[in-house]
Amino acid sequence: MFLEDNFLSNDKRYPFTKIETNSARAFATNAKAGHIWDNFSSLTDKELSPVDELEFFHPFDETQQIKFKPKDKNVAPGYYRTPSLISVWSSAHRCCTTTRWENLQAFLPWRAEWKHLTMQ
């Protein structure tokens, strides 16, 4: 059966620079060695090399960019993992008033392939 032992995701890490979304969670330090969630992150996560230098929009001077070098800062390496589809479904109630498929579509990039698994 397709869903048996399938958590509907992958275990890859994607650099923040490739996803180009909010960087706050990717640089959060909670899961680093010696921090509060240390025991809940893998050694593989802790050993990832930091992403390259980033340039951010400067809100007060549009001619300048804010340069940020994660290697020089005490931050996490800057990667995201794909959430499982089950995780997205289970937490959808936080952002939607109902769990109808139409409300979940905005959060599921693979929605067309998985529509047959939802209950309407």
N, C-alpha and C. Protein backbone atom coordinates (compact mmCIF):
# COMPACT_ATOMS: atom_id res chain seq x y z
N MET A 1 0.84 -1.18 0.00
CA MET A 1 0.00 0.00 0.00
C MET A 1 0.88 1.25 0.00
N PHE A 2 0.50 2.24 -0.76
CA PHE A 2 1.30 3.45 -0.94
C PHE A 2 1.59 4.18 0.37
N LEU A 3 0.59 4.32 1.23
CA LEU A 3 0.77 5.10 2.46
C LEU A 3 1.46 4.33 3.58
N GLU A 4 1.62 3.04 3.44
CA GLU A 4 2.24 2.25 4.49
C GLU A 4 3.73 2.59 4.59
N ASP A 5 4.18 2.97 5.79
CA ASP A 5 5.57 3.36 6.05
C ASP A 5 6.05 4.49 5.13
N ASN A 6 5.16 5.37 4.74
CA ASN A 6 5.51 6.49 3.87
C ASN A 6 5.08 7.78 4.59
N PHE A 7 6.05 8.60 4.98
CA PHE A 7 5.68 9.82 5.69
C PHE A 7 5.48 11.01 4.74
N LEU A 8 5.38 10.72 3.44
CA LEU A 8 4.99 11.69 2.42
C LEU A 8 5.90 12.92 2.38
N SER A 9 7.20 12.68 2.40
CA SER A 9 8.18 13.75 2.31
C SER A 9 9.51 13.14 1.91
N ASN A 10 10.56 13.91 2.01
CA ASN A 10 11.90 13.38 1.85
C ASN A 10 12.73 13.86 3.03
N ASP A 11 13.94 13.44 3.11
CA ASP A 11 14.77 13.82 4.26
C ASP A 11 15.91 14.73 3.84
N LYS A 12 15.73 15.43 2.73
CA LYS A 12 16.78 16.31 2.22
C LYS A 12 16.75 17.65 2.93
N ARG A 13 17.90 18.29 2.96
CA ARG A 13 18.00 19.64 3.47
C ARG A 13 18.23 20.58 2.29
N TYR A 14 17.51 21.68 2.26
CA TYR A 14 17.63 22.63 1.17
C TYR A 14 18.14 23.96 1.72
N PRO A 15 19.18 24.53 1.10
CA PRO A 15 19.72 25.79 1.61
C PRO A 15 18.71 26.93 1.45
N PHE A 16 18.70 27.79 2.43
CA PHE A 16 17.81 28.95 2.40
C PHE A 16 18.02 29.74 1.11
N THR A 17 19.23 29.81 0.62
CA THR A 17 19.53 30.58 -0.59
C THR A 17 18.83 30.02 -1.81
N LYS A 18 18.49 28.74 -1.81
CA LYS A 18 17.77 28.14 -2.93
C LYS A 18 16.26 28.38 -2.81
N ILE A 19 15.74 28.32 -1.59
CA ILE A 19 14.30 28.48 -1.37
C ILE A 19 13.89 29.94 -1.43
N GLU A 20 14.75 30.83 -0.98
CA GLU A 20 14.53 32.28 -1.00
C GLU A 20 13.24 32.67 -0.28
N THR A 21 13.12 32.22 0.94
CA THR A 21 11.99 32.60 1.78
C THR A 21 12.55 33.20 3.07
N ASN A 22 11.71 33.42 4.05
CA ASN A 22 12.15 34.00 5.31
C ASN A 22 13.28 33.17 5.91
N SER A 23 14.33 33.83 6.32
CA SER A 23 15.52 33.13 6.81
C SER A 23 15.51 32.88 8.31
N ALA A 24 14.56 33.42 9.03
CA ALA A 24 14.59 33.35 10.49
C ALA A 24 14.70 31.93 11.03
N ARG A 25 13.86 31.02 10.56
CA ARG A 25 13.90 29.65 11.08
C ARG A 25 15.15 28.91 10.63
N ALA A 26 15.62 29.20 9.42
CA ALA A 26 16.81 28.52 8.90
C ALA A 26 18.06 28.87 9.70
N PHE A 27 18.08 30.06 10.32
CA PHE A 27 19.23 30.48 11.09
C PHE A 27 19.00 30.38 12.60
N ALA A 28 17.88 29.84 13.02
CA ALA A 28 17.59 29.70 14.46
C ALA A 28 18.62 28.78 15.12
N THR A 29 19.02 29.11 16.31
CA THR A 29 20.10 28.37 16.99
C THR A 29 19.61 27.34 17.99
N ASN A 30 18.30 27.17 18.15
CA ASN A 30 17.77 26.26 19.17
C ASN A 30 18.30 24.83 19.07
N ALA A 31 18.56 24.34 17.86
CA ALA A 31 18.97 22.95 17.68
C ALA A 31 20.49 22.78 17.62
N LYS A 32 21.24 23.85 17.81
CA LYS A 32 22.69 23.73 17.79
C LYS A 32 23.19 23.03 19.06
N ALA A 33 24.40 22.50 19.00
CA ALA A 33 24.99 21.82 20.15
C ALA A 33 25.00 22.74 21.37
N GLY A 34 24.52 22.22 22.49
CA GLY A 34 24.50 22.98 23.73
C GLY A 34 23.28 23.88 23.90
N HIS A 35 22.40 23.92 22.92
CA HIS A 35 21.20 24.75 23.02
C HIS A 35 20.00 23.89 23.42
N ILE A 36 18.86 24.53 23.65
CA ILE A 36 17.71 23.89 24.26
C ILE A 36 17.18 22.66 23.50
N TRP A 37 17.19 22.67 22.17
CA TRP A 37 16.69 21.54 21.39
C TRP A 37 17.83 20.66 20.84
N ASP A 38 18.97 20.74 21.45
CA ASP A 38 20.15 19.98 21.02
C ASP A 38 19.85 18.50 20.84
N ASN A 39 19.14 17.90 21.78
CA ASN A 39 18.86 16.47 21.74
C ASN A 39 17.87 16.07 20.65
N PHE A 40 17.21 17.04 20.03
CA PHE A 40 16.20 16.74 19.02
C PHE A 40 16.69 17.02 17.60
N SER A 41 17.96 17.32 17.44
CA SER A 41 18.52 17.52 16.11
C SER A 41 19.65 16.53 15.90
N SER A 42 19.83 16.13 14.66
CA SER A 42 20.82 15.10 14.36
C SER A 42 22.22 15.70 14.27
N LEU A 43 23.19 14.84 14.40
CA LEU A 43 24.58 15.24 14.22
C LEU A 43 24.81 15.73 12.79
N THR A 44 24.10 15.11 11.85
CA THR A 44 24.18 15.53 10.44
C THR A 44 23.76 16.99 10.30
N ASP A 45 22.69 17.39 10.96
CA ASP A 45 22.25 18.79 10.91
C ASP A 45 23.30 19.71 11.51
N LYS A 46 23.87 19.30 12.61
CA LYS A 46 24.86 20.14 13.29
C LYS A 46 26.14 20.30 12.48
N GLU A 47 26.44 19.34 11.61
CA GLU A 47 27.69 19.38 10.85
C GLU A 47 27.54 19.99 9.45
N LEU A 48 26.36 20.46 9.09
CA LEU A 48 26.18 21.09 7.78
C LEU A 48 27.02 22.36 7.69
N SER A 49 27.62 22.58 6.52
CA SER A 49 28.38 23.82 6.35
C SER A 49 27.39 24.97 6.11
N PRO A 50 27.72 26.15 6.62
CA PRO A 50 26.80 27.29 6.46
C PRO A 50 26.61 27.68 5.00
N VAL A 51 25.46 28.26 4.70
CA VAL A 51 25.21 28.75 3.34
C VAL A 51 26.14 29.92 3.05
N ASP A 52 26.23 30.28 1.79
CA ASP A 52 27.12 31.37 1.37
C ASP A 52 26.61 32.72 1.86
N GLU A 53 27.41 33.73 1.59
CA GLU A 53 27.04 35.10 1.97
C GLU A 53 25.71 35.49 1.34
N LEU A 54 24.92 36.21 2.10
CA LEU A 54 23.59 36.65 1.64
C LEU A 54 23.56 38.17 1.51
N GLU A 55 22.71 38.63 0.63
CA GLU A 55 22.47 40.06 0.52
C GLU A 55 20.98 40.31 0.75
N PHE A 56 20.70 41.20 1.67
CA PHE A 56 19.33 41.55 2.01
C PHE A 56 19.04 42.99 1.60
N PHE A 57 17.79 43.26 1.32
CA PHE A 57 17.32 44.62 1.01
C PHE A 57 17.57 45.52 2.21
N HIS A 58 18.11 46.69 1.96
CA HIS A 58 18.35 47.68 3.01
C HIS A 58 17.16 48.65 3.01
N PRO A 59 16.33 48.63 4.06
CA PRO A 59 15.10 49.44 4.05
C PRO A 59 15.33 50.95 4.08
N PHE A 60 16.50 51.40 4.51
CA PHE A 60 16.75 52.84 4.61
C PHE A 60 17.64 53.38 3.50
N ASP A 61 18.29 52.51 2.76
CA ASP A 61 19.17 52.94 1.67
C ASP A 61 19.07 51.92 0.54
N GLU A 62 18.24 52.19 -0.45
CA GLU A 62 17.99 51.25 -1.53
C GLU A 62 19.21 51.03 -2.43
N THR A 63 20.20 51.90 -2.34
CA THR A 63 21.41 51.74 -3.16
C THR A 63 22.38 50.74 -2.52
N GLN A 64 22.17 50.41 -1.27
CA GLN A 64 23.06 49.49 -0.53
C GLN A 64 22.33 48.18 -0.24
N GLN A 65 23.07 47.12 -0.14
CA GLN A 65 22.54 45.83 0.30
C GLN A 65 23.15 45.51 1.66
N ILE A 66 22.41 44.81 2.50
CA ILE A 66 22.95 44.35 3.77
C ILE A 66 23.60 43.01 3.51
N LYS A 67 24.89 42.90 3.75
CA LYS A 67 25.61 41.65 3.54
C LYS A 67 25.66 40.87 4.85
N PHE A 68 25.35 39.59 4.77
CA PHE A 68 25.31 38.73 5.96
C PHE A 68 26.09 37.46 5.66
N LYS A 69 27.08 37.18 6.50
CA LYS A 69 27.92 35.99 6.33
C LYS A 69 27.64 35.02 7.48
N PRO A 70 26.82 34.00 7.24
CA PRO A 70 26.51 33.05 8.31
C PRO A 70 27.75 32.39 8.93
N LYS A 71 28.80 32.23 8.12
CA LYS A 71 30.03 31.60 8.65
C LYS A 71 30.65 32.43 9.77
N ASP A 72 30.43 33.75 9.75
CA ASP A 72 31.02 34.64 10.75
C ASP A 72 30.11 34.87 11.96
N LYS A 73 28.93 34.30 11.94
CA LYS A 73 27.95 34.53 13.01
C LYS A 73 27.65 33.23 13.75
N ASN A 74 27.14 33.34 14.94
CA ASN A 74 26.74 32.16 15.73
C ASN A 74 25.28 31.84 15.42
N VAL A 75 25.06 31.35 14.20
CA VAL A 75 23.70 31.00 13.77
C VAL A 75 23.70 29.58 13.23
N ALA A 76 22.52 29.03 13.02
CA ALA A 76 22.40 27.71 12.39
C ALA A 76 22.87 27.84 10.94
N PRO A 77 23.15 26.72 10.27
CA PRO A 77 23.74 26.79 8.93
C PRO A 77 22.84 27.34 7.82
N GLY A 78 21.53 27.41 8.02
CA GLY A 78 20.67 28.04 7.02
C GLY A 78 19.99 27.08 6.07
N TYR A 79 19.48 25.97 6.58
CA TYR A 79 18.83 24.98 5.74
C TYR A 79 17.39 24.73 6.21
N TYR A 80 16.55 24.31 5.27
CA TYR A 80 15.18 23.90 5.57
C TYR A 80 15.01 22.45 5.16
N ARG A 81 14.14 21.74 5.87
CA ARG A 81 13.74 20.39 5.47
C ARG A 81 12.30 20.43 5.00
N THR A 82 11.98 19.57 4.06
CA THR A 82 10.62 19.51 3.55
C THR A 82 9.68 18.96 4.62
N PRO A 83 8.62 19.68 4.97
CA PRO A 83 7.68 19.12 5.93
C PRO A 83 6.91 17.97 5.28
N SER A 84 6.55 17.01 6.08
CA SER A 84 5.75 15.92 5.52
C SER A 84 4.34 16.42 5.22
N LEU A 85 3.70 15.79 4.29
CA LEU A 85 2.34 16.17 3.93
C LEU A 85 1.41 15.99 5.13
N ILE A 86 1.64 14.94 5.90
CA ILE A 86 0.83 14.70 7.09
C ILE A 86 1.02 15.83 8.10
N SER A 87 2.25 16.31 8.24
CA SER A 87 2.52 17.43 9.14
C SER A 87 1.78 18.69 8.69
N VAL A 88 1.78 18.95 7.40
CA VAL A 88 1.08 20.12 6.88
C VAL A 88 -0.42 19.99 7.14
N TRP A 89 -0.96 18.81 6.86
CA TRP A 89 -2.39 18.60 7.11
C TRP A 89 -2.74 18.75 8.58
N SER A 90 -1.92 18.18 9.45
CA SER A 90 -2.25 18.19 10.87
C SER A 90 -2.17 19.58 11.48
N SER A 91 -1.37 20.46 10.89
CA SER A 91 -1.25 21.81 11.44
C SER A 91 -2.03 22.85 10.65
N ALA A 92 -2.77 22.42 9.65
CA ALA A 92 -3.51 23.36 8.81
C ALA A 92 -4.55 24.14 9.59
N HIS A 93 -5.08 23.58 10.66
CA HIS A 93 -6.11 24.27 11.43
C HIS A 93 -5.60 25.56 12.05
N ARG A 94 -4.30 25.70 12.16
CA ARG A 94 -3.73 26.92 12.74
C ARG A 94 -3.91 28.13 11.83
N CYS A 95 -4.01 27.89 10.54
CA CYS A 95 -4.10 29.01 9.61
C CYS A 95 -5.39 29.03 8.82
N CYS A 96 -6.22 28.06 9.01
CA CYS A 96 -7.47 27.99 8.25
C CYS A 96 -8.64 27.80 9.22
N THR A 97 -9.79 28.27 8.81
CA THR A 97 -10.97 28.06 9.65
C THR A 97 -11.59 26.69 9.42
N THR A 98 -11.18 26.04 8.36
CA THR A 98 -11.68 24.72 8.05
C THR A 98 -10.56 23.93 7.38
N THR A 99 -10.66 22.63 7.33
CA THR A 99 -9.62 21.83 6.70
C THR A 99 -10.03 21.40 5.30
N ARG A 100 -10.92 22.14 4.70
CA ARG A 100 -11.33 21.82 3.33
C ARG A 100 -10.14 21.94 2.39
N TRP A 101 -10.14 21.14 1.35
CA TRP A 101 -9.04 21.11 0.39
C TRP A 101 -8.73 22.49 -0.19
N GLU A 102 -9.73 23.29 -0.48
CA GLU A 102 -9.51 24.59 -1.10
C GLU A 102 -8.63 25.48 -0.22
N ASN A 103 -8.77 25.37 1.09
CA ASN A 103 -7.97 26.19 2.00
C ASN A 103 -6.54 25.68 2.14
N LEU A 104 -6.32 24.41 1.90
CA LEU A 104 -4.98 23.85 2.01
C LEU A 104 -4.15 24.03 0.75
N GLN A 105 -4.79 24.29 -0.36
CA GLN A 105 -4.07 24.35 -1.64
C GLN A 105 -2.91 25.34 -1.62
N ALA A 106 -3.07 26.46 -0.98
CA ALA A 106 -2.02 27.48 -0.96
C ALA A 106 -0.75 26.98 -0.27
N PHE A 107 -0.86 25.99 0.60
CA PHE A 107 0.29 25.52 1.37
C PHE A 107 0.90 24.25 0.80
N LEU A 108 0.28 23.67 -0.21
CA LEU A 108 0.76 22.39 -0.74
C LEU A 108 1.18 22.54 -2.20
N PRO A 109 2.48 22.66 -2.47
CA PRO A 109 2.91 22.83 -3.85
C PRO A 109 2.61 21.61 -4.72
N TRP A 110 2.45 20.46 -4.13
CA TRP A 110 2.18 19.22 -4.87
C TRP A 110 0.70 18.87 -4.84
N ARG A 111 -0.16 19.85 -4.60
CA ARG A 111 -1.59 19.63 -4.36
C ARG A 111 -2.29 18.81 -5.43
N ALA A 112 -1.94 18.99 -6.68
CA ALA A 112 -2.65 18.26 -7.74
C ALA A 112 -2.44 16.75 -7.62
N GLU A 113 -1.23 16.35 -7.24
CA GLU A 113 -0.93 14.93 -7.16
C GLU A 113 -1.58 14.27 -5.93
N TRP A 114 -1.86 15.04 -4.89
CA TRP A 114 -2.33 14.45 -3.63
C TRP A 114 -3.83 14.69 -3.39
N LYS A 115 -4.50 15.34 -4.28
CA LYS A 115 -5.90 15.69 -4.06
C LYS A 115 -6.76 14.45 -3.79
N HIS A 116 -6.46 13.35 -4.42
CA HIS A 116 -7.26 12.14 -4.23
C HIS A 116 -7.12 11.56 -2.83
N LEU A 117 -6.16 12.02 -2.04
CA LEU A 117 -5.98 11.49 -0.69
C LEU A 117 -6.78 12.26 0.36
N THR A 118 -7.33 13.40 -0.01
CA THR A 118 -8.04 14.23 0.97
C THR A 118 -9.48 13.78 1.11
N MET A 119 -10.04 14.16 2.21
CA MET A 119 -11.46 13.87 2.46
C MET A 119 -12.23 15.16 2.33
N GLN A 120 -13.28 15.16 1.54
CA GLN A 120 -14.02 16.41 1.35
C GLN A 120 -15.39 16.31 1.97
